[in-house]
Amino acid sequence: MGLLIKAFIMGVVEGLTEFLPVSSTGHMIIVGDFIDFKGESFHTMFEIVIQLGAILAVIFYYRDKIIDSLRHLRPGERGFELWFKIFIAFLPSAVIGLLLDDLIEEYLFSSFTVAIALIGGGFLMIFAENLFGRWGMDDMDKTDIRQALTIGVGQCLALIPGMSRSASTIMGGMVAGLSTKAAAEFSFFLAIPTMIAASSYSLIKGFSGMTPIQWQALGIGFVVSFFVALLAVDRFLSFLKNHSLKFFAYYRILIGIAMVVLITSGVL
């Protein structure tokens, strides 16, 4: 299988899973192993940078709201309040991630950790929805500072590979008193500064040694992840209006068990 076809497949996987509470990391590991897209520094950079395509899909999807917020960035205005709450929610995981980054990379970045996190996160989602999912504020703009901080604390779970940033922040939002839909929207906005920073840093650090075919692969992955993520975000929000998160929880548990089987059999 050629590099460009692999890039297309990985772009689809990233776009589908980045904003769903199912762990894009777990899916990228599984698919990457099956199509032999792993191991080299380019592949690591590719997987991070195509996240930028996915996050640009969110920016495009919420472009009117984002433009309006940027027009009202003075203190006391709605734009300032929105991004200040996003900043508050961003802080806990940023601080803890900075302090524990080396330990997390050394001890937690493994296929087995991802599998266990998928399973454990699935059960946590079921618990959170049973306890908090029957009520909640349905407007993310009404989120206060305390709720934003609670969501930020929830996002710290995403430092464990396989937990899923989306799942962690949505659960944090439900605990804070938001509906699943409002928590998902807050999660999307919270992803914007984090993922842009990570993707940009990776590109700057690794682009100099890329070959022409690798640039083409990166472009394909970027574009595919953008369009697939755009569709996934829209369908996910529509799904949450009338359906439970438990579908994704059960799916996570099944994928996690499948990963454990593949790991113990030596496939992963």
Protein backbone atom coordinates (compact mmCIF):
# COMPACT_ATOMS: atom_id res chain seq x y z
CA MET A 1 0.00 0.00 0.00
CA GLY A 2 1.44 3.36 -1.03
CA LEU A 3 2.13 6.25 1.33
CA LEU A 4 -0.57 8.48 -0.20
CA ILE A 5 -3.27 5.83 0.26
CA LYS A 6 -2.15 5.33 3.86
CA ALA A 7 -2.30 9.11 4.38
CA PHE A 8 -5.87 9.15 3.07
CA ILE A 9 -6.91 6.34 5.43
CA MET A 10 -5.28 7.98 8.44
CA GLY A 11 -6.93 11.30 7.54
CA VAL A 12 -10.33 9.60 7.59
CA VAL A 13 -9.58 8.00 10.97
CA GLU A 14 -8.41 11.29 12.48
CA GLY A 15 -11.37 13.24 11.14
CA LEU A 16 -13.88 10.67 12.39
CA THR A 17 -12.46 10.18 15.87
CA GLU A 18 -10.86 13.44 17.03
CA PHE A 19 -14.05 15.01 18.34
CA LEU A 20 -15.97 11.87 19.22
CA PRO A 21 -15.47 10.54 22.77
CA VAL A 22 -13.74 7.38 21.51
CA SER A 23 -10.00 8.29 21.58
CA SER A 24 -8.40 9.20 18.29
CA THR A 25 -5.09 7.94 19.76
CA GLY A 26 -6.43 4.41 20.16
CA HIS A 27 -7.84 4.31 16.66
CA MET A 28 -4.69 5.77 15.09
CA ILE A 29 -2.61 3.09 16.85
CA ILE A 30 -4.85 0.23 15.67
CA VAL A 31 -5.20 1.41 12.08
CA GLY A 32 -1.56 2.51 11.88
CA ASP A 33 -0.45 -0.97 12.92
CA PHE A 34 -2.74 -2.70 10.42
CA ILE A 35 -1.57 -0.61 7.46
CA ASP A 36 2.04 -0.35 8.70
CA PHE A 37 1.94 3.40 9.18
CA LYS A 38 4.19 3.80 12.22
CA GLY A 39 7.71 3.97 13.53
CA GLU A 40 9.32 6.84 11.64
CA SER A 41 9.53 10.45 12.84
CA PHE A 42 7.46 11.57 9.84
CA HIS A 43 4.58 9.34 10.85
CA THR A 44 4.56 10.75 14.37
CA MET A 45 4.56 14.30 13.02
CA PHE A 46 1.91 13.40 10.44
CA GLU A 47 -0.49 12.13 13.09
CA ILE A 48 -0.10 15.33 15.11
CA VAL A 49 -0.25 17.78 12.22
CA ILE A 50 -3.40 16.33 10.61
CA GLN A 51 -5.12 17.22 13.87
CA LEU A 52 -4.81 20.78 12.59
CA GLY A 53 -7.07 19.85 9.68
CA ALA A 54 -9.63 18.53 12.15
CA ILE A 55 -9.50 21.60 14.39
CA LEU A 56 -9.81 23.90 11.37
CA ALA A 57 -13.06 22.06 10.63
CA VAL A 58 -14.35 23.13 14.06
CA ILE A 59 -13.22 26.71 13.43
CA PHE A 60 -15.05 26.67 10.10
CA TYR A 61 -18.15 25.09 11.64
CA TYR A 62 -18.33 27.77 14.34
CA ARG A 63 -16.94 30.57 12.18
CA ASP A 64 -19.83 32.97 12.79
CA LYS A 65 -19.65 32.54 16.57
CA ILE A 66 -15.85 32.86 16.57
CA ILE A 67 -15.85 35.99 14.39
CA ASP A 68 -18.50 37.55 16.61
CA SER A 69 -16.45 36.74 19.72
CA LEU A 70 -13.34 38.33 18.21
CA ARG A 71 -15.33 41.50 17.53
CA HIS A 72 -16.25 41.71 21.20
CA LEU A 73 -12.97 41.03 22.96
CA ARG A 74 -12.95 43.99 25.31
CA PRO A 75 -13.28 43.14 29.03
CA GLY A 76 -16.91 42.76 29.98
CA GLU A 77 -18.02 41.84 26.47
CA ARG A 78 -19.23 38.39 25.43
CA GLY A 79 -16.16 37.55 23.36
CA PHE A 80 -13.80 38.32 26.24
CA GLU A 81 -15.93 36.27 28.63
CA LEU A 82 -16.01 33.29 26.26
CA TRP A 83 -12.25 33.12 25.70
CA PHE A 84 -11.46 33.87 29.33
CA LYS A 85 -13.52 30.84 30.34
CA ILE A 86 -11.74 28.77 27.68
CA PHE A 87 -8.41 29.96 29.13
CA ILE A 88 -9.48 28.98 32.67
CA ALA A 89 -10.50 25.53 31.42
CA PHE A 90 -7.21 25.18 29.57
CA LEU A 91 -5.00 25.89 32.60
CA PRO A 92 -5.30 22.68 34.71
CA SER A 93 -4.22 20.26 31.99
CA ALA A 94 -1.60 22.70 30.69
CA VAL A 95 0.05 22.99 34.12
CA ILE A 96 -0.17 19.29 34.98
CA GLY A 97 0.91 18.29 31.49
CA LEU A 98 3.94 20.55 31.68
CA LEU A 99 4.95 19.16 35.06
CA LEU A 100 4.37 15.50 34.25
CA ASP A 101 5.06 15.38 30.50
CA ASP A 102 8.25 13.31 30.78
CA LEU A 103 6.69 10.82 33.20
CA ILE A 104 3.57 10.46 31.05
CA GLU A 105 5.64 9.87 27.93
CA GLU A 106 7.89 7.36 29.68
CA TYR A 107 5.29 5.30 31.53
CA LEU A 108 1.91 5.79 29.85
CA PHE A 109 2.53 5.89 26.10
CA SER A 110 1.87 2.27 25.21
CA SER A 111 -0.81 0.33 23.38
CA PHE A 112 -1.76 -1.47 26.57
CA THR A 113 -2.29 1.80 28.46
CA VAL A 114 -4.48 3.06 25.62
CA ALA A 115 -6.54 -0.13 25.69
CA ILE A 116 -7.10 0.06 29.45
CA ALA A 117 -7.95 3.77 29.20
CA LEU A 118 -10.50 3.04 26.47
CA ILE A 119 -12.21 0.46 28.66
CA GLY A 120 -12.01 2.48 31.87
CA GLY A 121 -13.14 5.65 30.10
CA GLY A 122 -16.13 3.81 28.68
CA PHE A 123 -17.29 2.79 32.14
CA LEU A 124 -16.69 6.33 33.43
CA MET A 125 -18.88 7.72 30.65
CA ILE A 126 -21.71 5.35 31.61
CA PHE A 127 -21.36 6.36 35.27
CA ALA A 128 -21.25 10.09 34.47
CA GLU A 129 -24.32 9.94 32.25
CA ASN A 130 -26.30 7.88 34.76
CA LEU A 131 -25.47 10.36 37.52
CA PHE A 132 -25.48 13.69 35.69
CA GLY A 133 -26.90 13.12 32.21
CA ARG A 134 -30.57 13.66 32.99
CA TRP A 135 -30.19 17.37 33.62
CA GLY A 136 -27.95 20.17 32.52
CA MET A 137 -27.75 23.66 31.08
CA ASP A 138 -28.08 23.52 27.31
CA ASP A 139 -26.24 26.77 26.48
CA MET A 140 -22.43 26.78 26.68
CA ASP A 141 -22.42 30.60 26.67
CA LYS A 142 -23.96 30.56 30.14
CA THR A 143 -21.05 28.56 31.57
CA ASP A 144 -19.54 30.34 34.57
CA ILE A 145 -15.93 30.35 35.81
CA ARG A 146 -16.52 27.53 38.31
CA GLN A 147 -18.01 25.33 35.60
CA ALA A 148 -15.16 26.16 33.21
CA LEU A 149 -12.62 25.17 35.86
CA THR A 150 -14.48 21.91 36.51
CA ILE A 151 -14.35 21.11 32.79
CA GLY A 152 -10.64 21.95 32.82
CA VAL A 153 -10.04 19.55 35.70
CA GLY A 154 -11.95 16.91 33.76
CA GLN A 155 -9.71 17.49 30.75
CA CYS A 156 -6.72 16.40 32.87
CA LEU A 157 -7.93 12.82 32.38
CA ALA A 158 -7.04 13.24 28.70
CA LEU A 159 -3.35 13.32 29.68
CA ILE A 160 -3.73 9.53 29.96
CA PRO A 161 -3.34 8.25 26.38
CA GLY A 162 -6.57 6.63 25.25
CA MET A 163 -8.90 8.50 27.61
CA SER A 164 -9.92 10.93 24.84
CA ARG A 165 -9.86 14.69 25.24
CA SER A 166 -13.43 14.91 24.00
CA ALA A 167 -14.70 12.28 26.45
CA SER A 168 -12.82 13.86 29.36
CA THR A 169 -14.14 17.37 28.76
CA ILE A 170 -17.70 16.20 28.06
CA MET A 171 -17.72 14.25 31.32
CA GLY A 172 -16.29 17.32 33.09
CA GLY A 173 -19.06 19.39 31.54
CA MET A 174 -21.77 17.02 32.71
CA VAL A 175 -20.34 17.07 36.25
CA ALA A 176 -20.30 20.89 36.05
CA GLY A 177 -23.99 20.98 35.15
CA LEU A 178 -23.99 21.21 31.34
CA SER A 179 -26.00 19.06 28.99
CA THR A 180 -24.03 16.65 26.84
CA LYS A 181 -24.54 18.88 23.79
CA ALA A 182 -23.38 22.05 25.60
CA ALA A 183 -20.44 20.14 27.09
CA ALA A 184 -19.48 18.89 23.62
CA GLU A 185 -19.58 22.42 22.18
CA PHE A 186 -17.44 23.73 25.03
CA SER A 187 -15.05 20.84 24.38
CA PHE A 188 -14.75 21.86 20.72
CA PHE A 189 -13.86 25.45 21.62
CA LEU A 190 -11.41 24.30 24.27
CA ALA A 191 -9.63 22.19 21.65
CA ILE A 192 -8.89 25.15 19.39
CA PRO A 193 -5.89 26.75 21.18
CA THR A 194 -4.50 23.44 22.43
CA MET A 195 -4.47 21.58 19.13
CA ILE A 196 -3.30 24.53 17.05
CA ALA A 197 -0.30 24.98 19.36
CA ALA A 198 0.60 21.27 19.32
CA SER A 199 0.22 20.90 15.55
CA SER A 200 2.13 24.08 14.73
CA TYR A 201 5.00 23.14 17.03
CA SER A 202 5.29 19.71 15.47
CA LEU A 203 5.30 21.14 11.93
CA ILE A 204 7.98 23.71 12.71
CA LYS A 205 10.14 21.08 14.39
CA GLY A 206 9.88 18.40 11.74
CA PHE A 207 9.12 19.86 8.32
CA SER A 208 12.71 20.54 7.24
CA GLY A 209 13.58 16.89 6.57
CA MET A 210 10.44 16.01 4.59
CA THR A 211 10.56 14.61 1.06
CA PRO A 212 8.16 15.72 -1.72
CA ILE A 213 6.08 12.54 -1.38
CA GLN A 214 5.80 13.14 2.37
CA TRP A 215 4.58 16.70 1.74
CA GLN A 216 1.92 15.26 -0.58
CA ALA A 217 0.92 12.72 2.05
CA LEU A 218 0.68 15.44 4.69
CA GLY A 219 -1.50 17.54 2.38
CA ILE A 220 -3.84 14.63 1.67
CA GLY A 221 -4.16 13.74 5.35
CA PHE A 222 -4.77 17.38 6.26
CA VAL A 223 -7.53 17.93 3.68
CA VAL A 224 -9.25 14.59 4.30
CA SER A 225 -9.26 15.09 8.09
CA PHE A 226 -10.77 18.57 7.61
CA PHE A 227 -13.75 17.42 5.57
CA VAL A 228 -14.37 14.23 7.54
CA ALA A 229 -14.17 16.12 10.87
CA LEU A 230 -16.56 18.76 9.56
CA LEU A 231 -19.14 16.07 8.85
CA ALA A 232 -18.41 14.21 12.11
CA VAL A 233 -18.90 17.32 14.29
CA ASP A 234 -22.23 18.15 12.67
CA ARG A 235 -23.51 14.55 12.95
CA PHE A 236 -22.26 14.20 16.52
CA LEU A 237 -24.10 17.31 17.71
CA SER A 238 -27.28 16.15 15.96
CA PHE A 239 -26.90 12.74 17.57
CA LEU A 240 -26.58 14.22 21.06
CA LYS A 241 -29.92 16.02 20.76
CA ASN A 242 -31.85 12.76 21.01
CA HIS A 243 -29.43 10.00 21.94
CA SER A 244 -27.28 8.81 24.83
CA LEU A 245 -23.49 8.86 25.06
CA LYS A 246 -23.63 5.23 26.14
CA PHE A 247 -23.38 4.10 22.51
CA PHE A 248 -19.85 5.55 22.42
CA ALA A 249 -19.08 4.12 25.87
CA TYR A 250 -19.98 0.57 24.78
CA TYR A 251 -18.02 1.06 21.56
CA ARG A 252 -14.94 2.18 23.56
CA ILE A 253 -15.16 -0.88 25.78
CA LEU A 254 -15.36 -3.21 22.77
CA ILE A 255 -12.43 -1.50 21.01
CA GLY A 256 -10.39 -1.60 24.22
CA ILE A 257 -11.03 -5.32 24.67
CA ALA A 258 -10.11 -5.88 21.01
CA MET A 259 -6.84 -4.03 21.58
CA VAL A 260 -6.04 -6.16 24.63
CA VAL A 261 -6.60 -9.30 22.54
CA LEU A 262 -4.40 -7.96 19.74
CA ILE A 263 -1.67 -6.96 22.18
CA THR A 264 -1.62 -10.29 24.00
CA SER A 265 -1.58 -12.13 20.66
CA GLY A 266 1.38 -10.08 19.48
CA VAL A 267 -0.38 -8.24 16.64
CA LEU A 268 0.02 -4.79 18.28
